[in-house]
Amino acid sequence: AYRADGGYSLLQRCLADEVNAEEIIESLNQSSLQGLGGAGFPTGRKWSIVRGFEGPRLMAVNGDEGEPGTFKDRVYLESDPHRFIEGVLIAAWAVAVEKCFIYIRDEYPAVVKLLRDELDSVRSAGLANHVEIEVRRGAGAYICGEESSMIESIEGKRGLPRNRPPYVAEVGIFGRPTLVNNVETLYWVRDIVERGANWFADAGTNGRKGWRSYSVSGRVNKPGMVLAPAGTTVNELIDKYCGGMLDGHAFKGYLPGGASGGILPSRLGDVPLDFGTLQEYGCLIGSAAIVIFSDHDNMKDVALNLLRFFEDESCGQCT
């Protein structure tokens, strides 16, 4: 079904040398696509950096998605997995990697099975002859959402962050140059190249660039994954996309970036939600997990809930 809608035609053009890697990378640069796992590093630049190191090169896809309130990657993996897989295969071709590890949150068993089944179909179709792909299950450690901890886990060790430098782009999995991208980042590759970089870049609002997948939960009528222009405000998410607050609930505050993104009051509900817009308030957009609280919620309880999560999950490694 995915191929009937034009899927994998871009990959086949890449493999047939009808386009070159520099063109793909320049398209990503022009689109302003950033790392959508939360770090926000420019994707095209990352591909160029890893490509510049001597091979053999490896690749890791961060699908751990352990940030409380985040579920966008799961939505994309369950609803349109081949768009993501095509992004993986194009990235592997462009950066000339030998093997790719797709690291998936173990609380997503349906996704793990789906990916393994669909990757078998892709291999049978002869679309993955240029790279070996292995699906790896995470073990439920929050810290493995951080790229160097994920790499330690992939290597079979306890998932703890590495000191940097060296950065994983140069010294990553088993000491090799390693490209690390988030699931959603790779999901956008095909559309950006086929529709043009401006299609993505011009989507933003309030001076921002690109589309953003907001995981919205909490006291709204229609929680869920919201695809909206980068720079959309929480008030717009509530009123325009999520059907307003629940009956009898008044907007009180929100998490702009999951548990680690901080807590903001409703009076800051018109701040554009994107990379670089929240630092002055001591907050981060991260993976764009928006949790909405109302006057029915005790903010002390919210803060304690988050702190207990980190007490349990950080193991002293979130310094």
Protein backbone atom coordinates (compact mmCIF):
# COMPACT_ATOMS: atom_id res chain seq x y z
CA ALA A 1 0.00 0.00 0.00
CA TYR A 2 2.85 2.38 0.81
CA ARG A 3 4.54 1.71 -2.54
CA ALA A 4 1.26 2.23 -4.40
CA ASP A 5 1.30 5.79 -3.07
CA GLY A 6 4.81 6.46 -4.38
CA GLY A 7 6.64 5.03 -1.42
CA TYR A 8 10.28 3.93 -1.86
CA SER A 9 10.54 5.63 -5.26
CA LEU A 10 12.86 8.26 -3.76
CA LEU A 11 14.99 5.52 -2.18
CA GLN A 12 15.18 3.69 -5.51
CA ARG A 13 16.31 6.90 -7.22
CA CYS A 14 19.02 7.24 -4.57
CA LEU A 15 20.18 3.65 -5.01
CA ALA A 16 20.22 4.12 -8.80
CA ASP A 17 22.42 7.25 -8.42
CA GLU A 18 19.76 9.44 -10.02
CA VAL A 19 20.25 11.83 -7.08
CA ASN A 20 23.38 12.24 -5.00
CA ALA A 21 23.81 12.43 -1.25
CA GLU A 22 24.83 16.08 -1.33
CA GLU A 23 21.48 17.01 -2.91
CA ILE A 24 19.56 15.16 -0.20
CA ILE A 25 21.62 16.75 2.58
CA GLU A 26 21.25 20.23 1.07
CA SER A 27 17.49 19.74 0.92
CA LEU A 28 17.48 18.88 4.63
CA ASN A 29 19.63 21.93 5.37
CA GLN A 30 17.27 24.22 3.45
CA SER A 31 14.24 22.76 5.25
CA SER A 32 15.64 23.62 8.71
CA LEU A 33 14.77 20.08 9.90
CA GLN A 34 16.13 19.64 13.42
CA GLY A 35 16.52 16.65 15.72
CA LEU A 36 12.98 15.99 16.93
CA GLY A 37 13.96 13.77 19.82
CA GLY A 38 14.49 16.96 21.77
CA ALA A 39 18.05 18.14 21.09
CA GLY A 40 17.15 20.15 17.98
CA PHE A 41 20.52 19.73 16.20
CA PRO A 42 20.28 20.50 12.43
CA THR A 43 19.76 17.17 10.67
CA GLY A 44 21.56 17.92 7.41
CA ARG A 45 24.62 19.19 9.26
CA LYS A 46 24.70 16.04 11.40
CA TRP A 47 24.60 13.82 8.30
CA SER A 48 27.48 15.82 6.78
CA ILE A 49 29.56 15.60 9.96
CA VAL A 50 29.24 11.82 10.28
CA ARG A 51 29.83 11.38 6.54
CA GLY A 52 33.10 13.27 6.92
CA PHE A 53 34.62 10.69 9.27
CA GLU A 54 36.40 7.64 7.90
CA GLY A 55 34.31 4.47 7.80
CA PRO A 56 33.07 1.96 8.59
CA ARG A 57 30.17 4.07 9.89
CA LEU A 58 27.19 2.92 11.91
CA MET A 59 23.74 4.34 12.66
CA ALA A 60 21.34 4.30 15.61
CA VAL A 61 17.71 5.34 15.58
CA ASN A 62 16.44 6.60 18.92
CA GLY A 63 12.95 5.24 19.40
CA ASP A 64 13.18 4.95 23.16
CA GLU A 65 10.60 7.73 23.72
CA GLY A 66 10.79 7.55 27.51
CA GLU A 67 9.91 11.20 28.22
CA PRO A 68 6.61 11.20 30.18
CA GLY A 69 3.81 12.63 28.03
CA THR A 70 5.52 11.79 24.70
CA PHE A 71 3.89 9.42 22.22
CA LYS A 72 4.39 11.00 18.78
CA ASP A 73 6.95 8.45 17.61
CA ARG A 74 4.62 5.59 18.54
CA VAL A 75 1.82 7.21 16.52
CA TYR A 76 4.05 7.46 13.42
CA LEU A 77 5.48 3.96 13.83
CA GLU A 78 2.05 2.37 14.25
CA SER A 79 0.26 4.35 11.53
CA ASP A 80 2.87 4.94 8.79
CA PRO A 81 5.97 2.81 9.52
CA HIS A 82 7.28 2.67 5.97
CA ARG A 83 7.67 6.44 5.71
CA PHE A 84 10.01 6.12 8.68
CA ILE A 85 11.76 3.05 7.26
CA GLU A 86 12.35 4.84 3.95
CA GLY A 87 13.91 7.70 5.91
CA VAL A 88 16.20 5.20 7.66
CA LEU A 89 17.25 3.61 4.37
CA ILE A 90 17.90 6.99 2.71
CA ALA A 91 19.97 8.16 5.68
CA ALA A 92 21.97 4.92 5.62
CA TRP A 93 22.64 5.39 1.91
CA ALA A 94 23.51 9.10 2.16
CA VAL A 95 25.95 8.64 5.06
CA ALA A 96 27.20 5.23 3.79
CA VAL A 97 26.62 3.32 7.01
CA GLU A 98 27.16 -0.43 7.22
CA LYS A 99 24.66 -1.24 9.96
CA CYS A 100 21.73 0.48 11.62
CA PHE A 101 20.34 -0.30 15.07
CA ILE A 102 16.73 0.77 15.61
CA TYR A 103 16.42 1.12 19.39
CA ILE A 104 12.75 0.84 20.39
CA ARG A 105 11.18 1.37 23.79
CA ASP A 106 10.38 -2.07 25.20
CA GLU A 107 6.99 -0.83 26.45
CA TYR A 108 6.04 -0.77 22.73
CA PRO A 109 5.90 -4.54 22.02
CA ALA A 110 3.41 -4.07 19.17
CA VAL A 111 5.78 -1.62 17.48
CA VAL A 112 8.74 -3.99 17.88
CA LYS A 113 6.80 -6.82 16.18
CA LEU A 114 5.41 -4.54 13.47
CA LEU A 115 8.86 -3.17 12.62
CA ARG A 116 10.46 -6.59 12.46
CA ASP A 117 7.70 -7.89 10.18
CA GLU A 118 7.76 -4.86 7.87
CA LEU A 119 11.57 -4.83 7.69
CA ASP A 120 11.41 -8.45 6.52
CA SER A 121 9.06 -7.29 3.74
CA VAL A 122 11.45 -4.48 2.81
CA ARG A 123 14.40 -6.89 2.66
CA SER A 124 12.38 -9.32 0.54
CA ALA A 125 11.64 -6.48 -1.88
CA GLY A 126 15.39 -5.87 -2.25
CA LEU A 127 15.21 -2.35 -0.85
CA ALA A 128 17.68 -2.79 2.01
CA ASN A 129 20.62 -4.52 0.35
CA HIS A 130 22.90 -1.55 1.13
CA VAL A 131 22.61 -1.73 4.94
CA GLU A 132 22.07 -4.28 7.69
CA ILE A 133 19.22 -3.28 10.04
CA GLU A 134 18.62 -4.68 13.50
CA VAL A 135 15.72 -3.82 15.83
CA ARG A 136 16.95 -3.58 19.41
CA ARG A 137 14.66 -3.51 22.45
CA GLY A 138 15.41 -0.98 25.15
CA ALA A 139 15.08 -2.13 28.74
CA GLY A 140 12.89 0.64 30.07
CA ALA A 141 15.65 2.97 31.31
CA TYR A 142 14.75 6.66 30.96
CA ILE A 143 18.41 7.64 30.65
CA CYS A 144 18.74 5.58 27.43
CA GLY A 145 16.83 8.29 25.60
CA GLU A 146 20.15 10.18 25.76
CA GLU A 147 22.21 9.16 22.74
CA SER A 148 25.43 8.03 24.40
CA SER A 149 23.52 6.01 27.02
CA MET A 150 21.55 4.39 24.20
CA ILE A 151 24.82 3.49 22.48
CA GLU A 152 26.18 1.96 25.68
CA SER A 153 23.00 -0.14 25.87
CA ILE A 154 23.30 -1.19 22.21
CA GLU A 155 26.85 -2.35 22.97
CA GLY A 156 25.45 -4.58 25.73
CA LYS A 157 26.49 -2.45 28.66
CA ARG A 158 24.55 -0.64 31.37
CA GLY A 159 22.99 2.50 29.88
CA LEU A 160 25.01 5.37 31.37
CA PRO A 161 26.00 8.60 29.61
CA ARG A 162 29.51 9.01 28.23
CA ASN A 163 31.71 12.01 28.85
CA ARG A 164 32.15 14.22 25.80
CA PRO A 165 34.20 14.94 23.76
CA PRO A 166 34.60 12.73 21.82
CA TYR A 167 31.09 13.03 20.41
CA VAL A 168 29.21 9.98 19.13
CA ALA A 169 29.36 11.30 15.56
CA GLU A 170 33.07 10.48 15.67
CA VAL A 171 33.32 7.78 18.37
CA GLY A 172 29.96 6.05 18.70
CA ILE A 173 28.88 2.40 18.58
CA PHE A 174 31.92 0.16 19.08
CA GLY A 175 34.14 3.21 18.60
CA ARG A 176 32.91 3.91 15.07
CA PRO A 177 31.47 7.17 13.64
CA THR A 178 27.74 6.92 14.34
CA LEU A 179 24.73 8.77 12.98
CA VAL A 180 21.99 9.08 15.63
CA ASN A 181 18.54 10.32 14.60
CA ASN A 182 15.11 10.30 16.25
CA VAL A 183 12.21 8.36 14.70
CA GLU A 184 10.23 11.47 13.74
CA THR A 185 13.27 13.21 12.24
CA LEU A 186 13.69 10.35 9.76
CA TYR A 187 9.93 10.20 9.16
CA TRP A 188 10.09 13.63 7.47
CA VAL A 189 12.98 12.91 5.06
CA ARG A 190 10.92 11.61 2.15
CA ASP A 191 8.33 14.41 2.28
CA ILE A 192 10.97 17.14 2.53
CA VAL A 193 12.88 15.90 -0.50
CA GLU A 194 9.80 15.15 -2.64
CA ARG A 195 7.76 18.23 -1.72
CA GLY A 196 10.69 20.60 -1.48
CA ALA A 197 12.51 22.09 1.48
CA ASN A 198 10.28 25.18 1.48
CA TRP A 199 7.17 23.05 1.99
CA PHE A 200 8.55 22.11 5.41
CA ALA A 201 10.38 25.31 6.34
CA ASP A 202 7.45 27.61 5.48
CA ALA A 203 5.02 25.65 7.64
CA GLY A 204 6.01 27.40 10.88
CA THR A 205 4.22 30.25 12.59
CA ASN A 206 5.28 33.10 14.89
CA GLY A 207 8.63 33.30 13.13
CA ARG A 208 9.44 29.60 13.51
CA LYS A 209 10.15 26.98 10.81
CA GLY A 210 8.74 23.53 10.09
CA TRP A 211 6.01 21.22 11.31
CA ARG A 212 5.93 20.04 14.89
CA SER A 213 4.28 16.93 16.29
CA TYR A 214 2.89 17.85 19.71
CA SER A 215 1.88 15.04 22.06
CA VAL A 216 -1.00 16.70 23.94
CA SER A 217 -2.53 15.12 27.04
CA GLY A 218 -4.24 16.24 30.22
CA ARG A 219 -7.40 18.26 30.81
CA VAL A 220 -8.52 18.77 27.20
CA ASN A 221 -11.49 17.37 25.33
CA LYS A 222 -9.43 15.76 22.53
CA PRO A 223 -5.98 14.66 23.70
CA GLY A 224 -3.68 13.10 21.12
CA MET A 225 -0.86 13.74 18.69
CA VAL A 226 -1.33 17.14 17.04
CA LEU A 227 0.54 18.02 13.85
CA ALA A 228 0.76 21.82 13.83
CA PRO A 229 3.15 24.55 12.67
CA ALA A 230 6.25 24.97 14.82
CA GLY A 231 5.72 27.98 17.05
CA THR A 232 2.07 27.16 17.79
CA THR A 233 1.12 28.29 21.32
CA VAL A 234 -0.47 26.15 24.01
CA ASN A 235 -3.62 28.30 23.89
CA GLU A 236 -3.89 27.53 20.17
CA LEU A 237 -3.32 23.83 20.79
CA ILE A 238 -6.11 23.76 23.39
CA ASP A 239 -8.67 25.81 21.47
CA LYS A 240 -7.90 25.06 17.81
CA TYR A 241 -6.75 21.46 17.90
CA CYS A 242 -7.92 19.82 21.14
CA GLY A 243 -11.54 20.93 21.46
CA GLY A 244 -10.97 23.23 24.43
CA MET A 245 -10.63 22.43 28.12
CA LEU A 246 -12.78 19.74 29.72
CA ASP A 247 -16.14 20.99 30.93
CA GLY A 248 -15.81 22.63 34.33
CA HIS A 249 -12.01 22.95 34.04
CA ALA A 250 -10.10 26.24 33.74
CA PHE A 251 -6.59 26.26 32.21
CA LYS A 252 -4.04 26.59 35.02
CA GLY A 253 -0.63 25.52 33.73
CA TYR A 254 1.24 23.11 31.47
CA LEU A 255 4.36 21.10 30.80
CA PRO A 256 5.81 22.39 27.50
CA GLY A 257 8.29 19.54 27.09
CA GLY A 258 7.35 16.52 29.16
CA ALA A 259 8.63 15.88 32.67
CA SER A 260 12.07 17.39 32.02
CA GLY A 261 10.78 20.51 30.26
CA GLY A 262 9.60 22.42 33.34
CA ILE A 263 6.19 23.76 34.37
CA LEU A 264 4.66 27.00 33.04
CA PRO A 265 1.58 28.89 34.28
CA SER A 266 -1.39 29.61 32.03
CA ARG A 267 -0.43 33.32 31.83
CA LEU A 268 2.43 32.16 29.56
CA GLY A 269 0.00 30.38 27.26
CA ASP A 270 0.87 32.55 24.26
CA VAL A 271 4.59 31.70 24.14
CA PRO A 272 5.48 30.03 20.79
CA LEU A 273 6.36 26.39 21.41
CA ASP A 274 9.61 25.57 19.62
CA PHE A 275 13.34 25.15 20.12
CA GLY A 276 14.87 28.26 21.66
CA THR A 277 11.64 30.00 22.71
CA LEU A 278 11.33 28.75 26.29
CA GLN A 279 14.82 29.08 27.78
CA GLU A 280 14.13 32.53 29.20
CA TYR A 281 11.41 30.92 31.34
CA GLY A 282 13.72 28.11 32.48
CA CYS A 283 11.93 25.56 30.30
CA LEU A 284 12.55 23.44 27.19
CA ILE A 285 10.36 22.20 24.32
CA GLY A 286 12.29 18.89 24.16
CA SER A 287 10.17 16.29 22.39
CA ALA A 288 7.10 18.57 22.45
CA ALA A 289 5.13 16.64 25.07
CA ILE A 290 2.43 19.09 26.20
CA VAL A 291 0.57 18.16 29.39
CA ILE A 292 -2.35 20.46 30.27
CA PHE A 293 -3.36 21.11 33.91
CA SER A 294 -6.49 22.78 35.22
CA ASP A 295 -7.76 24.37 38.41
CA HIS A 296 -8.63 20.82 39.52
CA ASP A 297 -4.90 19.98 39.73
CA ASN A 298 -2.66 20.69 42.70
CA MET A 299 0.62 21.99 41.27
CA LYS A 300 2.57 20.87 44.33
CA ASP A 301 1.39 17.33 43.62
CA VAL A 302 2.38 17.73 39.96
CA ALA A 303 5.89 18.88 40.91
CA LEU A 304 6.32 16.05 43.43
CA ASN A 305 5.12 13.53 40.86
CA LEU A 306 7.80 14.70 38.41
CA LEU A 307 10.51 14.73 41.07
CA ARG A 308 9.63 11.20 42.17
CA PHE A 309 9.89 10.07 38.57
CA PHE A 310 13.39 11.51 38.28
CA GLU A 311 14.42 10.17 41.67
CA ASP A 312 13.52 6.71 40.37
CA GLU A 313 14.83 7.08 36.83
CA SER A 314 17.91 9.31 36.78
CA CYS A 315 20.25 7.20 38.98
CA GLY A 316 22.24 10.38 39.54
CA GLN A 317 23.05 10.59 35.82
CA CYS A 318 20.95 13.65 34.93
CA THR A 319 23.59 16.05 36.20
